[in-house]
Each structure stands twice: as structure tokens, then as C-alpha cells.
């Protein structure tokens, strides 16, 4: 499919509504712009929300997951038997 769009004086373009709908590009959505061999390629971006954790959160999880010496020895023993 080929469509002509006009570039505004601010460098903006408007993607045709049908194209946005087919590609699932919603208002406020993100697209990736790539330059390939003198062409401009736009494609919908996958946006993933990342959570950040404090040092206190990480320390708490490490403490909760810590094995006692007896538990560690039992796990190692079982692992050796399976090898």
C-alpha cells in the first residue's frame, strides 16, 4: 500500500486512519522509525512497562529466599543423586 502524506513545517505527519486501525496504533501510541537504504520505515512499537525495585525490596527478597545450611545441604544432596 502506498499513501502520500504531507510533512508539516514542524516535521509532523498524519498517519491515515485506516492504516492506524489496521496496525492497531492508538492515539498516544508509539511507533518505531527506522531509516533503511534511503527509506523511512514506521512500525508499531511494543511498549513494556518495567517495574523498578528499591535496594530494600531486593534485600528483603534475598533474606526471605535464603536457605539455612541444613536446607542447602539437603538440596545439594538431592541434586547430586540426579546427576
C-alpha atoms as a PDB file:
ATOM      1  CA  UNK A   1       0.000   0.000   0.000  1.00  0.00           C
ATOM      2  CA  UNK A   2       1.293   3.458  -0.858  1.00  0.00           C
ATOM      3  CA  UNK A   3      -0.110   6.717   0.522  1.00  0.00           C
ATOM      4  CA  UNK A   4       1.067  10.282   0.181  1.00  0.00           C
ATOM      5  CA  UNK A   5       1.187  12.309   3.394  1.00  0.00           C
ATOM      6  CA  UNK A   6       2.249  15.918   3.887  1.00  0.00           C
ATOM      7  CA  UNK A   7       5.063  16.855   6.248  1.00  0.00           C
ATOM      8  CA  UNK A   8       4.160  19.927   8.326  1.00  0.00           C
ATOM      9  CA  UNK A   9       6.556  22.791   8.984  1.00  0.00           C
ATOM     10  CA  UNK A  10       7.219  21.140  12.367  1.00  0.00           C
ATOM     11  CA  UNK A  11       8.191  17.845  10.682  1.00  0.00           C
ATOM     12  CA  UNK A  12       4.949  16.096  11.629  1.00  0.00           C
ATOM     13  CA  UNK A  13       2.921  13.700   9.507  1.00  0.00           C
ATOM     14  CA  UNK A  14      -0.580  12.309   9.990  1.00  0.00           C
ATOM     15  CA  UNK A  15      -0.963   8.576   9.524  1.00  0.00           C
ATOM     16  CA  UNK A  16      -4.159   7.725   7.636  1.00  0.00           C
ATOM     17  CA  UNK A  17      -6.934   6.446   9.921  1.00  0.00           C
ATOM     18  CA  UNK A  18      -7.333   3.156   8.055  1.00  0.00           C
ATOM     19  CA  UNK A  19      -3.639   2.397   8.396  1.00  0.00           C
ATOM     20  CA  UNK A  20      -3.650   3.231  12.114  1.00  0.00           C
ATOM     21  CA  UNK A  21      -6.654   0.977  12.617  1.00  0.00           C
ATOM     22  CA  UNK A  22      -5.149  -1.958  10.689  1.00  0.00           C
ATOM     23  CA  UNK A  23      -1.887  -1.694  12.606  1.00  0.00           C
ATOM     24  CA  UNK A  24      -3.533  -1.116  15.995  1.00  0.00           C
ATOM     25  CA  UNK A  25      -1.908   2.259  16.540  1.00  0.00           C
ATOM     26  CA  UNK A  26      -3.989   4.064  19.151  1.00  0.00           C
ATOM     27  CA  UNK A  27      -3.875   7.794  19.994  1.00  0.00           C
ATOM     28  CA  UNK A  28      -0.785   8.349  22.120  1.00  0.00           C
ATOM     29  CA  UNK A  29       0.693   5.084  20.796  1.00  0.00           C
ATOM     30  CA  UNK A  30       4.364   4.720  19.995  1.00  0.00           C
ATOM     31  CA  UNK A  31       5.867   3.864  16.629  1.00  0.00           C
ATOM     32  CA  UNK A  32       9.442   2.978  15.730  1.00  0.00           C
ATOM     33  CA  UNK A  33      11.018   4.959  12.909  1.00  0.00           C
ATOM     34  CA  UNK A  34      13.917   3.378  11.035  1.00  0.00           C
ATOM     35  CA  UNK A  35      15.942   4.592   8.107  1.00  0.00           C
ATOM     36  CA  UNK A  36      16.703   1.772   5.668  1.00  0.00           C
ATOM     37  CA  UNK A  37      18.617   2.339   2.463  1.00  0.00           C
ATOM     38  CA  UNK A  38      17.261   5.858   1.992  1.00  0.00           C
ATOM     39  CA  UNK A  39      13.701   4.958   3.014  1.00  0.00           C
ATOM     40  CA  UNK A  40      11.762   5.682   6.184  1.00  0.00           C
ATOM     41  CA  UNK A  41      10.060   2.695   7.784  1.00  0.00           C
ATOM     42  CA  UNK A  42       7.475   3.137  10.557  1.00  0.00           C
ATOM     43  CA  UNK A  43       6.174   0.248  12.607  1.00  0.00           C
ATOM     44  CA  UNK A  44       4.135  -0.073  15.789  1.00  0.00           C
ATOM     45  CA  UNK A  45       6.293  -0.327  18.896  1.00  0.00           C
ATOM     46  CA  UNK A  46       5.844  -2.836  21.659  1.00  0.00           C
ATOM     47  CA  UNK A  47       5.802  -0.856  24.885  1.00  0.00           C
ATOM     48  CA  UNK A  48       6.550  -2.784  28.053  1.00  0.00           C
ATOM     49  CA  UNK A  49       6.064  -1.334  31.499  1.00  0.00           C
ATOM     50  CA  UNK A  50       9.035  -2.005  33.739  1.00  0.00           C
ATOM     51  CA  UNK A  51       8.884  -2.025  37.480  1.00  0.00           C
ATOM     52  CA  UNK A  52      11.787  -0.745  39.493  1.00  0.00           C
ATOM     53  CA  UNK A  53      12.635  -2.066  42.907  1.00  0.00           C
ATOM     54  CA  UNK A  54      14.451  -0.418  45.770  1.00  0.00           C
ATOM     55  CA  UNK A  55      17.551  -1.828  47.403  1.00  0.00           C
ATOM     56  CA  UNK A  56      15.380  -2.527  50.468  1.00  0.00           C
ATOM     57  CA  UNK A  57      12.941  -4.619  48.380  1.00  0.00           C
ATOM     58  CA  UNK A  58      15.784  -6.670  46.927  1.00  0.00           C
ATOM     59  CA  UNK A  59      17.419  -7.184  50.334  1.00  0.00           C
ATOM     60  CA  UNK A  60      14.088  -8.323  51.802  1.00  0.00           C
ATOM     61  CA  UNK A  61      13.538 -10.848  48.985  1.00  0.00           C
ATOM     62  CA  UNK A  62      17.065 -12.190  49.345  1.00  0.00           C
ATOM     63  CA  UNK A  63      16.526 -12.646  53.084  1.00  0.00           C
ATOM     64  CA  UNK A  64      13.179 -14.378  52.500  1.00  0.00           C
ATOM     65  CA  UNK A  65      14.717 -16.723  49.923  1.00  0.00           C
ATOM     66  CA  UNK A  66      17.823 -17.571  51.941  1.00  0.00           C
ATOM     67  CA  UNK A  67      18.369 -21.244  52.734  1.00  0.00           C
ATOM     68  CA  UNK A  68      19.610 -22.486  56.056  1.00  0.00           C
ATOM     69  CA  UNK A  69      22.783 -24.585  55.986  1.00  0.00           C
ATOM     70  CA  UNK A  70      20.706 -27.743  56.529  1.00  0.00           C
ATOM     71  CA  UNK A  71      18.333 -26.877  53.654  1.00  0.00           C
ATOM     72  CA  UNK A  72      21.240 -26.081  51.351  1.00  0.00           C
ATOM     73  CA  UNK A  73      22.920 -29.412  52.181  1.00  0.00           C
ATOM     74  CA  UNK A  74      19.658 -31.304  51.531  1.00  0.00           C
ATOM     75  CA  UNK A  75      19.183 -29.617  48.134  1.00  0.00           C
ATOM     76  CA  UNK A  76      22.799 -30.288  47.122  1.00  0.00           C
ATOM     77  CA  UNK A  77      22.447 -33.915  48.154  1.00  0.00           C
ATOM     78  CA  UNK A  78      19.319 -34.371  46.040  1.00  0.00           C
ATOM     79  CA  UNK A  79      20.950 -32.638  43.080  1.00  0.00           C
ATOM     80  CA  UNK A  80      23.993 -34.956  43.251  1.00  0.00           C
ATOM     81  CA  UNK A  81      21.751 -38.043  43.225  1.00  0.00           C
ATOM     82  CA  UNK A  82      20.057 -36.915  39.982  1.00  0.00           C
ATOM     83  CA  UNK A  83      23.339 -36.436  38.095  1.00  0.00           C
END
